[in-house]
Amino acid sequence: MKNIFLAFTLLFAINTFAQDKINWVTLEEAVALQKKEPKKIMMDAYTVWCGPCKLLDSKTFTNKDLIAYVNKHYYAVKFNAEGNEEITFKGKTYSNPNYNPAKARSRNSSHQLSRGLGIRAYPTLLFFDEEANLIAPISGYQKPQALELYLKMFKSNKHKDMKSQSDFDKYYRAFKATFKDNA
């Protein structure tokens, strides 16, 4: 009986801990995971010097409701848009040939994948479908409830029904956020 109690306690602790943060993976890992269990991808394209990127990490990506939703419905990818890692995506390898290690903590050159995805501002959240095709980029800092709108819109494929800005505006006005603020 004691062992059963310990097992349940450990399982609860592991499950609770797992929901304390977003389960970030690389883009390559996310694409591989999609083959086993199809989910959309949410990519956070950030830079090390970007203030709004740091706010996204400290204020938005710490929201418990957002964490639970992202971990359940998306593969989350962190991508340093001025970093030096080599990334293979859709059969092409991307790098940052002009990366300067002396500028590792400040503005650096743009990664080839950043340019390939059309990233022009930081942070940019990019959403991909279950086949890793880009759905949309969302630029700028997003509060948890604002990001909730996009997470739920893309998860439910409601964006496919939107043919104009007025369709999005109608969805936006009708949307009721449910993510609570962190206490």
N, C-alpha and C. Protein backbone atom coordinates (compact mmCIF):
# COMPACT_ATOMS: atom_id res chain seq x y z
N MET A 1 0.83 -1.20 0.00
CA MET A 1 0.00 0.00 0.00
C MET A 1 0.87 1.26 0.00
N LYS A 2 1.93 1.20 0.77
CA LYS A 2 2.85 2.33 0.84
C LYS A 2 3.49 2.60 -0.53
N ASN A 3 3.83 1.51 -1.25
CA ASN A 3 4.44 1.66 -2.58
C ASN A 3 3.47 2.27 -3.58
N ILE A 4 2.21 1.90 -3.50
CA ILE A 4 1.19 2.46 -4.39
C ILE A 4 1.04 3.95 -4.12
N PHE A 5 1.00 4.33 -2.84
CA PHE A 5 0.90 5.74 -2.48
C PHE A 5 2.11 6.52 -3.01
N LEU A 6 3.30 5.98 -2.84
CA LEU A 6 4.51 6.63 -3.34
C LEU A 6 4.49 6.77 -4.86
N ALA A 7 4.03 5.72 -5.53
CA ALA A 7 3.96 5.77 -6.99
C ALA A 7 3.00 6.86 -7.46
N PHE A 8 1.82 6.95 -6.82
CA PHE A 8 0.86 7.99 -7.19
C PHE A 8 1.40 9.38 -6.88
N THR A 9 2.07 9.53 -5.75
CA THR A 9 2.65 10.81 -5.37
C THR A 9 3.71 11.23 -6.38
N LEU A 10 4.57 10.29 -6.77
CA LEU A 10 5.61 10.59 -7.76
C LEU A 10 5.01 10.94 -9.11
N LEU A 11 4.01 10.17 -9.54
CA LEU A 11 3.35 10.44 -10.82
C LEU A 11 2.70 11.82 -10.80
N PHE A 12 2.03 12.16 -9.70
CA PHE A 12 1.40 13.47 -9.58
C PHE A 12 2.45 14.58 -9.63
N ALA A 13 3.56 14.39 -8.92
CA ALA A 13 4.62 15.39 -8.89
C ALA A 13 5.23 15.59 -10.27
N ILE A 14 5.47 14.50 -10.99
CA ILE A 14 6.04 14.59 -12.33
C ILE A 14 5.08 15.31 -13.26
N ASN A 15 3.80 14.93 -13.21
CA ASN A 15 2.79 15.55 -14.07
C ASN A 15 2.62 17.03 -13.75
N THR A 16 2.63 17.37 -12.47
CA THR A 16 2.50 18.77 -12.06
C THR A 16 3.71 19.56 -12.51
N PHE A 17 4.90 19.00 -12.32
CA PHE A 17 6.12 19.70 -12.73
C PHE A 17 6.13 19.90 -14.24
N ALA A 18 5.71 18.92 -14.98
CA ALA A 18 5.72 19.01 -16.44
C ALA A 18 4.84 20.15 -16.92
N GLN A 19 3.83 20.51 -16.16
CA GLN A 19 2.93 21.59 -16.57
C GLN A 19 3.38 22.95 -16.04
N ASP A 20 4.54 23.00 -15.37
CA ASP A 20 5.05 24.27 -14.87
C ASP A 20 5.79 25.05 -15.94
N LYS A 21 6.07 24.40 -17.06
CA LYS A 21 6.76 25.10 -18.14
C LYS A 21 6.37 24.47 -19.47
N ILE A 22 6.56 25.23 -20.51
CA ILE A 22 6.28 24.73 -21.85
C ILE A 22 7.35 23.71 -22.22
N ASN A 23 6.93 22.65 -22.87
CA ASN A 23 7.85 21.61 -23.31
C ASN A 23 8.45 22.02 -24.65
N TRP A 24 9.54 22.79 -24.60
CA TRP A 24 10.18 23.28 -25.81
C TRP A 24 10.98 22.18 -26.46
N VAL A 25 10.92 22.11 -27.79
CA VAL A 25 11.71 21.17 -28.58
C VAL A 25 12.32 21.93 -29.75
N THR A 26 13.24 21.29 -30.46
CA THR A 26 13.80 21.92 -31.66
C THR A 26 12.80 21.76 -32.81
N LEU A 27 13.02 22.51 -33.86
CA LEU A 27 12.15 22.39 -35.03
C LEU A 27 12.23 20.99 -35.62
N GLU A 28 13.45 20.44 -35.70
CA GLU A 28 13.60 19.08 -36.23
C GLU A 28 12.84 18.06 -35.39
N GLU A 29 12.92 18.23 -34.05
CA GLU A 29 12.19 17.32 -33.15
C GLU A 29 10.68 17.46 -33.34
N ALA A 30 10.20 18.69 -33.47
CA ALA A 30 8.77 18.91 -33.65
C ALA A 30 8.26 18.25 -34.92
N VAL A 31 9.00 18.40 -36.01
CA VAL A 31 8.59 17.80 -37.29
C VAL A 31 8.59 16.27 -37.17
N ALA A 32 9.58 15.71 -36.49
CA ALA A 32 9.62 14.26 -36.28
C ALA A 32 8.45 13.81 -35.40
N LEU A 33 8.13 14.57 -34.36
CA LEU A 33 7.00 14.23 -33.49
C LEU A 33 5.68 14.29 -34.24
N GLN A 34 5.56 15.21 -35.18
CA GLN A 34 4.33 15.31 -35.98
C GLN A 34 4.04 14.02 -36.74
N LYS A 35 5.08 13.31 -37.12
CA LYS A 35 4.89 12.06 -37.85
C LYS A 35 4.29 10.97 -36.96
N LYS A 36 4.57 11.04 -35.66
CA LYS A 36 4.04 10.06 -34.70
C LYS A 36 2.67 10.48 -34.18
N GLU A 37 2.56 11.76 -33.85
CA GLU A 37 1.29 12.30 -33.34
C GLU A 37 1.10 13.69 -33.93
N PRO A 38 0.24 13.81 -34.96
CA PRO A 38 0.06 15.11 -35.62
C PRO A 38 -0.47 16.18 -34.66
N LYS A 39 0.25 17.27 -34.61
CA LYS A 39 -0.15 18.47 -33.87
C LYS A 39 0.43 19.65 -34.64
N LYS A 40 -0.13 20.80 -34.41
CA LYS A 40 0.43 22.01 -34.99
C LYS A 40 1.70 22.40 -34.21
N ILE A 41 2.47 23.28 -34.80
CA ILE A 41 3.69 23.79 -34.17
C ILE A 41 3.52 25.28 -33.90
N MET A 42 3.95 25.69 -32.72
CA MET A 42 4.07 27.11 -32.38
C MET A 42 5.56 27.37 -32.18
N MET A 43 6.12 28.25 -33.00
CA MET A 43 7.54 28.58 -32.90
C MET A 43 7.71 30.00 -32.36
N ASP A 44 8.52 30.13 -31.33
CA ASP A 44 8.88 31.43 -30.79
C ASP A 44 10.22 31.83 -31.40
N ALA A 45 10.19 32.76 -32.35
CA ALA A 45 11.41 33.29 -32.95
C ALA A 45 11.81 34.52 -32.14
N TYR A 46 12.92 34.40 -31.44
CA TYR A 46 13.37 35.43 -30.50
C TYR A 46 14.83 35.79 -30.79
N THR A 47 15.32 36.80 -30.09
CA THR A 47 16.75 37.11 -30.08
C THR A 47 17.15 37.34 -28.63
N VAL A 48 18.44 37.23 -28.36
CA VAL A 48 18.92 37.36 -26.98
C VAL A 48 18.85 38.79 -26.46
N TRP A 49 18.83 39.78 -27.34
CA TRP A 49 18.84 41.18 -26.94
C TRP A 49 17.45 41.81 -26.88
N CYS A 50 16.43 41.08 -27.29
CA CYS A 50 15.08 41.61 -27.46
C CYS A 50 14.30 41.69 -26.14
N GLY A 51 13.97 42.91 -25.72
CA GLY A 51 13.20 43.11 -24.49
C GLY A 51 11.82 42.47 -24.53
N PRO A 52 11.02 42.71 -25.59
CA PRO A 52 9.70 42.07 -25.66
C PRO A 52 9.78 40.54 -25.69
N CYS A 53 10.89 39.98 -26.22
CA CYS A 53 11.07 38.52 -26.21
C CYS A 53 11.20 38.02 -24.77
N LYS A 54 11.94 38.79 -23.97
CA LYS A 54 12.13 38.43 -22.56
C LYS A 54 10.82 38.55 -21.79
N LEU A 55 10.01 39.55 -22.14
CA LEU A 55 8.68 39.69 -21.53
C LEU A 55 7.80 38.49 -21.87
N LEU A 56 7.87 38.05 -23.11
CA LEU A 56 7.10 36.88 -23.53
C LEU A 56 7.48 35.68 -22.67
N ASP A 57 8.78 35.49 -22.44
CA ASP A 57 9.25 34.39 -21.59
C ASP A 57 8.79 34.54 -20.15
N SER A 58 8.90 35.75 -19.59
CA SER A 58 8.62 35.92 -18.16
C SER A 58 7.15 36.14 -17.83
N LYS A 59 6.38 36.71 -18.75
CA LYS A 59 4.98 37.04 -18.44
C LYS A 59 3.97 36.12 -19.14
N THR A 60 4.24 35.75 -20.38
CA THR A 60 3.26 34.98 -21.15
C THR A 60 3.51 33.48 -21.05
N PHE A 61 4.74 33.06 -21.30
CA PHE A 61 5.05 31.63 -21.30
C PHE A 61 5.12 31.03 -19.90
N THR A 62 4.79 31.81 -18.88
CA THR A 62 4.70 31.30 -17.51
C THR A 62 3.25 31.15 -17.06
N ASN A 63 2.31 31.53 -17.91
CA ASN A 63 0.88 31.43 -17.58
C ASN A 63 0.46 29.96 -17.56
N LYS A 64 -0.05 29.51 -16.45
CA LYS A 64 -0.37 28.09 -16.27
C LYS A 64 -1.40 27.57 -17.27
N ASP A 65 -2.42 28.37 -17.58
CA ASP A 65 -3.43 27.94 -18.55
C ASP A 65 -2.82 27.84 -19.94
N LEU A 66 -1.99 28.82 -20.29
CA LEU A 66 -1.33 28.80 -21.59
C LEU A 66 -0.38 27.61 -21.70
N ILE A 67 0.40 27.36 -20.65
CA ILE A 67 1.33 26.23 -20.64
C ILE A 67 0.58 24.93 -20.89
N ALA A 68 -0.49 24.72 -20.15
CA ALA A 68 -1.27 23.48 -20.29
C ALA A 68 -1.83 23.34 -21.70
N TYR A 69 -2.34 24.44 -22.26
CA TYR A 69 -2.94 24.39 -23.60
C TYR A 69 -1.88 24.11 -24.66
N VAL A 70 -0.76 24.82 -24.59
CA VAL A 70 0.30 24.62 -25.58
C VAL A 70 0.84 23.19 -25.48
N ASN A 71 1.13 22.72 -24.27
CA ASN A 71 1.68 21.38 -24.12
C ASN A 71 0.73 20.29 -24.62
N LYS A 72 -0.56 20.53 -24.52
CA LYS A 72 -1.54 19.54 -24.96
C LYS A 72 -1.76 19.57 -26.48
N HIS A 73 -1.79 20.76 -27.07
CA HIS A 73 -2.25 20.88 -28.46
C HIS A 73 -1.17 21.25 -29.48
N TYR A 74 0.02 21.60 -29.04
CA TYR A 74 1.06 22.06 -29.95
C TYR A 74 2.41 21.43 -29.61
N TYR A 75 3.29 21.44 -30.59
CA TYR A 75 4.71 21.25 -30.33
C TYR A 75 5.28 22.66 -30.31
N ALA A 76 5.95 23.00 -29.22
CA ALA A 76 6.48 24.34 -29.04
C ALA A 76 7.97 24.35 -29.37
N VAL A 77 8.37 25.31 -30.19
CA VAL A 77 9.75 25.42 -30.65
C VAL A 77 10.29 26.79 -30.27
N LYS A 78 11.47 26.80 -29.68
CA LYS A 78 12.21 28.04 -29.41
C LYS A 78 13.26 28.16 -30.49
N PHE A 79 13.31 29.29 -31.15
CA PHE A 79 14.27 29.49 -32.24
C PHE A 79 14.96 30.83 -32.08
N ASN A 80 16.27 30.81 -31.83
CA ASN A 80 17.06 32.03 -31.77
C ASN A 80 17.26 32.50 -33.21
N ALA A 81 16.55 33.53 -33.58
CA ALA A 81 16.53 34.00 -34.97
C ALA A 81 17.83 34.66 -35.41
N GLU A 82 18.76 34.84 -34.47
CA GLU A 82 20.09 35.34 -34.80
C GLU A 82 21.16 34.38 -34.27
N GLY A 83 20.76 33.15 -34.00
CA GLY A 83 21.66 32.15 -33.43
C GLY A 83 22.54 31.50 -34.47
N ASN A 84 23.34 30.54 -34.00
CA ASN A 84 24.35 29.92 -34.85
C ASN A 84 24.08 28.45 -35.11
N GLU A 85 22.92 27.94 -34.73
CA GLU A 85 22.68 26.52 -34.92
C GLU A 85 22.32 26.21 -36.38
N GLU A 86 22.66 25.02 -36.79
CA GLU A 86 22.30 24.55 -38.13
C GLU A 86 20.96 23.82 -38.00
N ILE A 87 20.02 24.15 -38.86
CA ILE A 87 18.67 23.59 -38.79
C ILE A 87 18.29 23.03 -40.15
N THR A 88 17.81 21.80 -40.15
CA THR A 88 17.29 21.22 -41.39
C THR A 88 15.77 21.24 -41.30
N PHE A 89 15.16 21.85 -42.31
CA PHE A 89 13.70 22.01 -42.34
C PHE A 89 13.23 21.89 -43.78
N LYS A 90 12.29 20.99 -44.00
CA LYS A 90 11.71 20.77 -45.32
C LYS A 90 12.79 20.45 -46.37
N GLY A 91 13.74 19.62 -45.96
CA GLY A 91 14.77 19.15 -46.87
C GLY A 91 15.90 20.13 -47.16
N LYS A 92 15.90 21.27 -46.50
CA LYS A 92 16.95 22.27 -46.72
C LYS A 92 17.65 22.57 -45.39
N THR A 93 18.96 22.74 -45.44
CA THR A 93 19.72 23.06 -44.24
C THR A 93 19.98 24.56 -44.19
N TYR A 94 19.66 25.16 -43.04
CA TYR A 94 19.82 26.59 -42.82
C TYR A 94 20.88 26.82 -41.75
N SER A 95 21.62 27.89 -41.91
CA SER A 95 22.64 28.24 -40.92
C SER A 95 22.71 29.77 -40.83
N ASN A 96 23.71 30.24 -40.16
CA ASN A 96 23.93 31.68 -40.05
C ASN A 96 25.40 31.96 -40.38
N PRO A 97 25.75 31.97 -41.68
CA PRO A 97 27.16 32.10 -42.06
C PRO A 97 27.82 33.40 -41.62
N ASN A 98 27.04 34.42 -41.36
CA ASN A 98 27.61 35.71 -40.92
C ASN A 98 27.57 35.89 -39.41
N TYR A 99 27.25 34.80 -38.69
CA TYR A 99 27.19 34.87 -37.22
C TYR A 99 28.54 35.29 -36.66
N ASN A 100 28.52 36.21 -35.72
CA ASN A 100 29.74 36.69 -35.08
C ASN A 100 29.71 36.30 -33.61
N PRO A 101 30.56 35.35 -33.18
CA PRO A 101 30.58 34.91 -31.78
C PRO A 101 30.84 36.05 -30.80
N ALA A 102 31.53 37.08 -31.22
CA ALA A 102 31.79 38.23 -30.34
C ALA A 102 30.51 39.00 -30.03
N LYS A 103 29.48 38.80 -30.86
CA LYS A 103 28.20 39.48 -30.66
C LYS A 103 27.13 38.51 -30.15
N ALA A 104 27.55 37.44 -29.51
CA ALA A 104 26.61 36.40 -29.06
C ALA A 104 25.54 36.94 -28.11
N ARG A 105 25.84 38.02 -27.39
CA ARG A 105 24.88 38.58 -26.43
C ARG A 105 24.26 39.89 -26.89
N SER A 106 24.43 40.20 -28.16
CA SER A 106 23.86 41.43 -28.70
C SER A 106 23.35 41.16 -30.12
N ARG A 107 22.99 42.22 -30.82
CA ARG A 107 22.49 42.06 -32.19
C ARG A 107 23.52 41.33 -33.04
N ASN A 108 23.04 40.39 -33.81
CA ASN A 108 23.91 39.58 -34.65
C ASN A 108 23.28 39.51 -36.03
N SER A 109 23.85 38.73 -36.90
CA SER A 109 23.25 38.60 -38.22
C SER A 109 22.03 37.69 -38.14
N SER A 110 21.16 37.85 -39.08
CA SER A 110 19.92 37.08 -39.15
C SER A 110 20.20 35.67 -39.65
N HIS A 111 19.61 34.70 -39.00
CA HIS A 111 19.72 33.30 -39.41
C HIS A 111 19.02 33.12 -40.77
N GLN A 112 19.54 32.24 -41.61
CA GLN A 112 18.93 32.00 -42.92
C GLN A 112 17.47 31.55 -42.79
N LEU A 113 17.16 30.76 -41.76
CA LEU A 113 15.77 30.31 -41.57
C LEU A 113 14.87 31.50 -41.25
N SER A 114 15.37 32.47 -40.50
CA SER A 114 14.59 33.69 -40.21
C SER A 114 14.18 34.38 -41.49
N ARG A 115 15.14 34.54 -42.37
CA ARG A 115 14.85 35.19 -43.64
C ARG A 115 13.93 34.33 -44.49
N GLY A 116 14.16 33.02 -44.49
CA GLY A 116 13.33 32.10 -45.26
C GLY A 116 11.87 32.10 -44.83
N LEU A 117 11.65 32.34 -43.53
CA LEU A 117 10.28 32.37 -43.01
C LEU A 117 9.70 33.78 -43.02
N GLY A 118 10.48 34.76 -43.45
CA GLY A 118 9.98 36.13 -43.55
C GLY A 118 9.89 36.86 -42.23
N ILE A 119 10.68 36.47 -41.26
CA ILE A 119 10.66 37.12 -39.94
C ILE A 119 11.33 38.49 -40.07
N ARG A 120 10.60 39.53 -39.66
CA ARG A 120 11.11 40.89 -39.78
C ARG A 120 11.14 41.63 -38.45
N ALA A 121 10.57 41.04 -37.41
CA ALA A 121 10.52 41.69 -36.10
C ALA A 121 10.60 40.62 -35.02
N TYR A 122 11.00 41.05 -33.83
CA TYR A 122 11.11 40.11 -32.71
C TYR A 122 10.31 40.64 -31.53
N PRO A 123 9.65 39.76 -30.83
CA PRO A 123 9.48 38.35 -31.16
C PRO A 123 8.46 38.17 -32.29
N THR A 124 8.55 37.05 -32.94
CA THR A 124 7.53 36.62 -33.89
C THR A 124 7.16 35.19 -33.53
N LEU A 125 5.87 34.96 -33.36
CA LEU A 125 5.37 33.61 -33.13
C LEU A 125 4.86 33.09 -34.46
N LEU A 126 5.38 31.95 -34.86
CA LEU A 126 4.98 31.36 -36.14
C LEU A 126 4.18 30.10 -35.85
N PHE A 127 3.09 29.96 -36.56
CA PHE A 127 2.24 28.79 -36.40
C PHE A 127 2.31 27.96 -37.68
N PHE A 128 2.49 26.65 -37.51
CA PHE A 128 2.59 25.71 -38.61
C PHE A 128 1.50 24.65 -38.45
N ASP A 129 1.00 24.14 -39.57
CA ASP A 129 -0.01 23.08 -39.51
C ASP A 129 0.66 21.73 -39.21
N GLU A 130 -0.13 20.67 -39.26
CA GLU A 130 0.35 19.33 -38.91
C GLU A 130 1.35 18.76 -39.91
N GLU A 131 1.52 19.40 -41.05
CA GLU A 131 2.52 18.99 -42.04
C GLU A 131 3.68 19.99 -42.09
N ALA A 132 3.78 20.83 -41.06
CA ALA A 132 4.84 21.83 -40.92
C ALA A 132 4.80 22.90 -42.00
N ASN A 133 3.61 23.18 -42.54
CA ASN A 133 3.43 24.29 -43.47
C ASN A 133 3.05 25.53 -42.66
N LEU A 134 3.66 26.66 -43.00
CA LEU A 134 3.41 27.89 -42.27
C LEU A 134 1.95 28.32 -42.42
N ILE A 135 1.31 28.56 -41.28
CA ILE A 135 -0.05 29.10 -41.28
C ILE A 135 0.03 30.62 -41.25
N ALA A 136 0.73 31.15 -40.23
CA ALA A 136 0.82 32.60 -40.08
C ALA A 136 1.89 32.97 -39.07
N PRO A 137 2.52 34.13 -39.29
CA PRO A 137 3.40 34.71 -38.27
C PRO A 137 2.61 35.77 -37.49
N ILE A 138 2.85 35.84 -36.20
CA ILE A 138 2.24 36.86 -35.36
C ILE A 138 3.40 37.60 -34.69
N SER A 139 3.59 38.87 -35.05
CA SER A 139 4.73 39.63 -34.53
C SER A 139 4.36 40.41 -33.28
N GLY A 140 5.36 40.57 -32.41
CA GLY A 140 5.21 41.40 -31.23
C GLY A 140 4.85 40.63 -29.98
N TYR A 141 5.01 41.32 -28.87
CA TYR A 141 4.68 40.75 -27.56
C TYR A 141 3.18 40.48 -27.48
N GLN A 142 2.82 39.32 -26.94
CA GLN A 142 1.42 38.96 -26.76
C GLN A 142 1.18 38.58 -25.30
N LYS A 143 0.17 39.18 -24.69
CA LYS A 143 -0.23 38.75 -23.35
C LYS A 143 -0.87 37.37 -23.48
N PRO A 144 -0.95 36.61 -22.38
CA PRO A 144 -1.52 35.26 -22.47
C PRO A 144 -2.90 35.20 -23.13
N GLN A 145 -3.78 36.13 -22.77
CA GLN A 145 -5.13 36.10 -23.33
C GLN A 145 -5.15 36.47 -24.81
N ALA A 146 -4.24 37.33 -25.25
CA ALA A 146 -4.15 37.67 -26.67
C ALA A 146 -3.60 36.48 -27.46
N LEU A 147 -2.61 35.80 -26.91
CA LEU A 147 -2.06 34.62 -27.56
C LEU A 147 -3.08 33.49 -27.57
N GLU A 148 -3.92 33.42 -26.53
CA GLU A 148 -4.97 32.41 -26.47
C GLU A 148 -5.86 32.47 -27.71
N LEU A 149 -6.19 33.66 -28.15
CA LEU A 149 -7.03 33.84 -29.33
C LEU A 149 -6.41 33.11 -30.53
N TYR A 150 -5.12 33.32 -30.75
CA TYR A 150 -4.45 32.69 -31.90
C TYR A 150 -4.29 31.19 -31.71
N LEU A 151 -3.91 30.79 -30.50
CA LEU A 151 -3.74 29.35 -30.23
C LEU A 151 -5.02 28.59 -30.53
N LYS A 152 -6.14 29.12 -30.07
CA LYS A 152 -7.42 28.43 -30.27
C LYS A 152 -7.93 28.57 -31.70
N MET A 153 -7.68 29.71 -32.32
CA MET A 153 -8.11 29.89 -33.71
C MET A 153 -7.39 28.91 -34.64
N PHE A 154 -6.06 28.79 -34.48
CA PHE A 154 -5.30 27.88 -35.34
C PHE A 154 -5.56 26.43 -34.99
N LYS A 155 -5.71 26.12 -33.71
CA LYS A 155 -5.97 24.74 -33.29
C LYS A 155 -7.28 24.23 -33.90
N SER A 156 -8.30 25.09 -33.91
CA SER A 156 -9.62 24.69 -34.41
C SER A 156 -9.76 24.89 -35.92
N ASN A 157 -8.73 25.41 -36.55
CA ASN A 157 -8.74 25.69 -38.00
C ASN A 157 -9.75 26.76 -38.41
N LYS A 158 -10.19 27.59 -37.46
CA LYS A 158 -11.14 28.66 -37.79
C LYS A 158 -10.52 29.67 -38.77
N HIS A 159 -9.20 29.76 -38.78
CA HIS A 159 -8.53 30.68 -39.71
C HIS A 159 -8.82 30.32 -41.17
N LYS A 160 -9.13 29.06 -41.43
CA LYS A 160 -9.42 28.64 -42.80
C LYS A 160 -10.73 29.22 -43.32
N ASP A 161 -11.63 29.58 -42.41
CA ASP A 161 -12.92 30.16 -42.79
C ASP A 161 -12.84 31.67 -42.98
N MET A 162 -11.72 32.27 -42.63
CA MET A 162 -11.59 33.72 -42.68
C MET A 162 -11.05 34.14 -44.04
N LYS A 163 -11.90 34.82 -44.78
CA LYS A 163 -11.54 35.24 -46.13
C LYS A 163 -11.12 36.71 -46.18
N SER A 164 -11.39 37.44 -45.11
CA SER A 164 -11.09 38.87 -45.11
C SER A 164 -10.77 39.34 -43.71
N GLN A 165 -10.27 40.57 -43.63
CA GLN A 165 -9.99 41.18 -42.32
C GLN A 165 -11.26 41.28 -41.50
N SER A 166 -12.38 41.53 -42.13
CA SER A 166 -13.64 41.65 -41.38
C SER A 166 -14.04 40.31 -40.76
N ASP A 167 -13.69 39.19 -41.40
CA ASP A 167 -13.95 37.87 -40.80
C ASP A 167 -13.13 37.70 -39.52
N PHE A 168 -11.86 38.12 -39.58
CA PHE A 168 -11.02 38.05 -38.38
C PHE A 168 -11.55 39.00 -37.31
N ASP A 169 -11.93 40.20 -37.69
CA ASP A 169 -12.44 41.18 -36.74
C ASP A 169 -13.68 40.65 -36.02
N LYS A 170 -14.54 39.98 -36.76
CA LYS A 170 -15.75 39.38 -36.18
C LYS A 170 -15.37 38.29 -35.17
N TYR A 171 -14.41 37.43 -35.54
CA TYR A 171 -13.92 36.39 -34.63
C TYR A 171 -13.32 37.03 -33.38
N TYR A 172 -12.51 38.07 -33.58
CA TYR A 172 -11.84 38.77 -32.48
C TYR A 172 -12.87 39.34 -31.50
N ARG A 173 -13.88 40.00 -32.01
CA ARG A 173 -14.91 40.61 -31.14
C ARG A 173 -15.71 39.56 -30.38
N ALA A 174 -15.93 38.40 -30.99
CA ALA A 174 -16.73 37.35 -30.35
C ALA A 174 -15.91 36.48 -29.39
N PHE A 175 -14.58 36.52 -29.51
CA PHE A 175 -13.73 35.64 -28.71
C PHE A 175 -13.77 36.02 -27.24
N LYS A 176 -13.92 35.02 -26.38
CA LYS A 176 -13.90 35.21 -24.92
C LYS A 176 -12.72 34.43 -24.35
N ALA A 177 -11.72 35.15 -23.90
CA ALA A 177 -10.53 34.52 -23.33
C ALA A 177 -10.90 33.81 -22.02
N THR A 178 -10.27 32.67 -21.80
CA THR A 178 -10.50 31.90 -20.58
C THR A 178 -9.23 31.71 -19.76
N PHE A 179 -8.08 32.03 -20.33
CA PHE A 179 -6.83 31.89 -19.58
C PHE A 179 -6.83 32.92 -18.46
N LYS A 180 -6.59 32.44 -17.25
CA LYS A 180 -6.56 33.34 -16.09
C LYS A 180 -5.17 33.96 -15.95
N ASP A 181 -5.13 35.13 -15.33
CA ASP A 181 -3.84 35.75 -15.05
C ASP A 181 -3.14 34.93 -13.96
N ASN A 182 -1.82 34.89 -14.01
CA ASN A 182 -1.06 34.22 -12.94
C ASN A 182 -1.20 35.03 -11.67
N ALA A 183 -1.30 34.32 -10.56
CA ALA A 183 -1.44 35.01 -9.28
C ALA A 183 -0.09 35.40 -8.72
